Amino acid sequence: MIASMIARRRLKTLEHLLDRSPAVVMLGPRQSGKTTLAREIAKARGAAYFDLESDRDRAKLTDIEDTLGRLSDKLRR
């Protein structure tokens, strides 16, 4: 119960921040739900999600212009 209350509060905060800024960084201890929450938000918004611990995602970011060009339909202007 408490975990879901915290998640809902964090979700509301993150959605507010994303309405104001195109990118948000989440920091916190391991296994605290950051990745799950970020993926849920990205899916709901049709947004791109990059996991900086993933070799594959980091490789995509080495050529940021190409990656963002492919994601132009998901970028806010």
C-alpha atoms as a PDB file:
ATOM      1  CA  MET A   1       0.000   0.000   0.000  1.00  0.00           C
ATOM      2  CA  ILE A   2       2.669   2.511   0.985  1.00  0.00           C
ATOM      3  CA  ALA A   3       4.820   1.626  -2.040  1.00  0.00           C
ATOM      4  CA  SER A   4       1.925   2.310  -4.417  1.00  0.00           C
ATOM      5  CA  MET A   5       1.198   5.648  -2.701  1.00  0.00           C
ATOM      6  CA  ILE A   6       4.834   6.663  -3.139  1.00  0.00           C
ATOM      7  CA  ALA A   7       4.782   5.526  -6.778  1.00  0.00           C
ATOM      8  CA  ARG A   8       1.646   7.582  -7.498  1.00  0.00           C
ATOM      9  CA  ARG A   9       3.193  10.641  -5.878  1.00  0.00           C
ATOM     10  CA  ARG A  10       6.406  10.194  -7.861  1.00  0.00           C
ATOM     11  CA  LEU A  11       4.435   9.632 -11.058  1.00  0.00           C
ATOM     12  CA  LYS A  12       2.566  12.910 -10.599  1.00  0.00           C
ATOM     13  CA  THR A  13       5.818  14.775  -9.905  1.00  0.00           C
ATOM     14  CA  LEU A  14       7.558  13.258 -12.928  1.00  0.00           C
ATOM     15  CA  GLU A  15       4.647  14.013 -15.233  1.00  0.00           C
ATOM     16  CA  HIS A  16       4.664  17.631 -14.047  1.00  0.00           C
ATOM     17  CA  LEU A  17       8.424  17.888 -14.650  1.00  0.00           C
ATOM     18  CA  LEU A  18       8.131  16.334 -18.115  1.00  0.00           C
ATOM     19  CA  ASP A  19       5.429  18.841 -19.006  1.00  0.00           C
ATOM     20  CA  ARG A  20       7.975  21.571 -18.256  1.00  0.00           C
ATOM     21  CA  SER A  21      11.153  19.953 -19.622  1.00  0.00           C
ATOM     22  CA  PRO A  22      11.884  17.442 -22.405  1.00  0.00           C
ATOM     23  CA  ALA A  23      14.184  15.341 -20.198  1.00  0.00           C
ATOM     24  CA  VAL A  24      14.199  14.336 -16.547  1.00  0.00           C
ATOM     25  CA  VAL A  25      16.821  12.388 -14.616  1.00  0.00           C
ATOM     26  CA  MET A  26      15.755  10.037 -11.842  1.00  0.00           C
ATOM     27  CA  LEU A  27      18.252   9.140  -9.166  1.00  0.00           C
ATOM     28  CA  GLY A  28      17.794   6.717  -6.321  1.00  0.00           C
ATOM     29  CA  PRO A  29      18.899   3.449  -4.788  1.00  0.00           C
ATOM     30  CA  ARG A  30      18.956   0.190  -6.715  1.00  0.00           C
ATOM     31  CA  GLN A  31      15.711  -1.740  -6.907  1.00  0.00           C
ATOM     32  CA  SER A  32      13.568   1.243  -5.957  1.00  0.00           C
ATOM     33  CA  GLY A  33      11.399   1.210  -9.104  1.00  0.00           C
ATOM     34  CA  LYS A  34      13.071   3.939 -11.175  1.00  0.00           C
ATOM     35  CA  THR A  35      13.311   1.883 -14.363  1.00  0.00           C
ATOM     36  CA  THR A  36       9.779   0.535 -14.075  1.00  0.00           C
ATOM     37  CA  LEU A  37       8.377   4.013 -13.524  1.00  0.00           C
ATOM     38  CA  ALA A  38      10.400   5.528 -16.377  1.00  0.00           C
ATOM     39  CA  ARG A  39       9.324   2.804 -18.807  1.00  0.00           C
ATOM     40  CA  GLU A  40       5.666   3.221 -17.815  1.00  0.00           C
ATOM     41  CA  ILE A  41       5.817   6.969 -18.365  1.00  0.00           C
ATOM     42  CA  ALA A  42       7.650   6.597 -21.692  1.00  0.00           C
ATOM     43  CA  LYS A  43       5.088   4.063 -22.918  1.00  0.00           C
ATOM     44  CA  ALA A  44       2.128   6.194 -21.843  1.00  0.00           C
ATOM     45  CA  ARG A  45       3.567   9.290 -23.535  1.00  0.00           C
ATOM     46  CA  GLY A  46       4.884   7.534 -26.643  1.00  0.00           C
ATOM     47  CA  ALA A  47       8.341   8.764 -25.679  1.00  0.00           C
ATOM     48  CA  ALA A  48      11.829   7.393 -26.175  1.00  0.00           C
ATOM     49  CA  TYR A  49      13.495   5.657 -23.228  1.00  0.00           C
ATOM     50  CA  PHE A  50      17.269   5.242 -22.873  1.00  0.00           C
ATOM     51  CA  ASP A  51      18.880   3.152 -20.151  1.00  0.00           C
ATOM     52  CA  LEU A  52      22.406   4.459 -19.644  1.00  0.00           C
ATOM     53  CA  GLU A  53      23.423   1.144 -18.087  1.00  0.00           C
ATOM     54  CA  SER A  54      22.593  -0.614 -21.363  1.00  0.00           C
ATOM     55  CA  ASP A  55      25.487  -0.964 -23.831  1.00  0.00           C
ATOM     56  CA  ARG A  56      22.995  -0.966 -26.680  1.00  0.00           C
ATOM     57  CA  ASP A  57      21.310   2.271 -25.567  1.00  0.00           C
ATOM     58  CA  ARG A  58      24.648   3.991 -24.925  1.00  0.00           C
ATOM     59  CA  ALA A  59      25.756   2.998 -28.441  1.00  0.00           C
ATOM     60  CA  LYS A  60      22.640   4.678 -29.857  1.00  0.00           C
ATOM     61  CA  LEU A  61      23.654   7.871 -28.095  1.00  0.00           C
ATOM     62  CA  THR A  62      27.142   7.971 -29.611  1.00  0.00           C
ATOM     63  CA  ASP A  63      25.546   9.326 -32.789  1.00  0.00           C
ATOM     64  CA  ILE A  64      22.923  11.490 -31.159  1.00  0.00           C
ATOM     65  CA  GLU A  65      21.929  13.325 -34.348  1.00  0.00           C
ATOM     66  CA  ASP A  66      21.102  10.054 -36.117  1.00  0.00           C
ATOM     67  CA  THR A  67      19.250   8.678 -33.097  1.00  0.00           C
ATOM     68  CA  LEU A  68      17.187  11.819 -32.590  1.00  0.00           C
ATOM     69  CA  GLY A  69      16.501  12.003 -36.319  1.00  0.00           C
ATOM     70  CA  ARG A  70      14.974   8.530 -36.151  1.00  0.00           C
ATOM     71  CA  LEU A  71      12.892   9.602 -33.149  1.00  0.00           C
ATOM     72  CA  SER A  72      11.678  12.905 -34.556  1.00  0.00           C
ATOM     73  CA  ASP A  73       8.053  11.762 -34.239  1.00  0.00           C
ATOM     74  CA  LYS A  74       8.568  11.356 -30.488  1.00  0.00           C
ATOM     75  CA  LEU A  75      10.253  14.714 -29.849  1.00  0.00           C
ATOM     76  CA  ARG A  76       8.448  17.808 -28.620  1.00  0.00           C
ATOM     77  CA  ARG A  77       9.155  21.101 -30.256  1.00  0.00           C
END
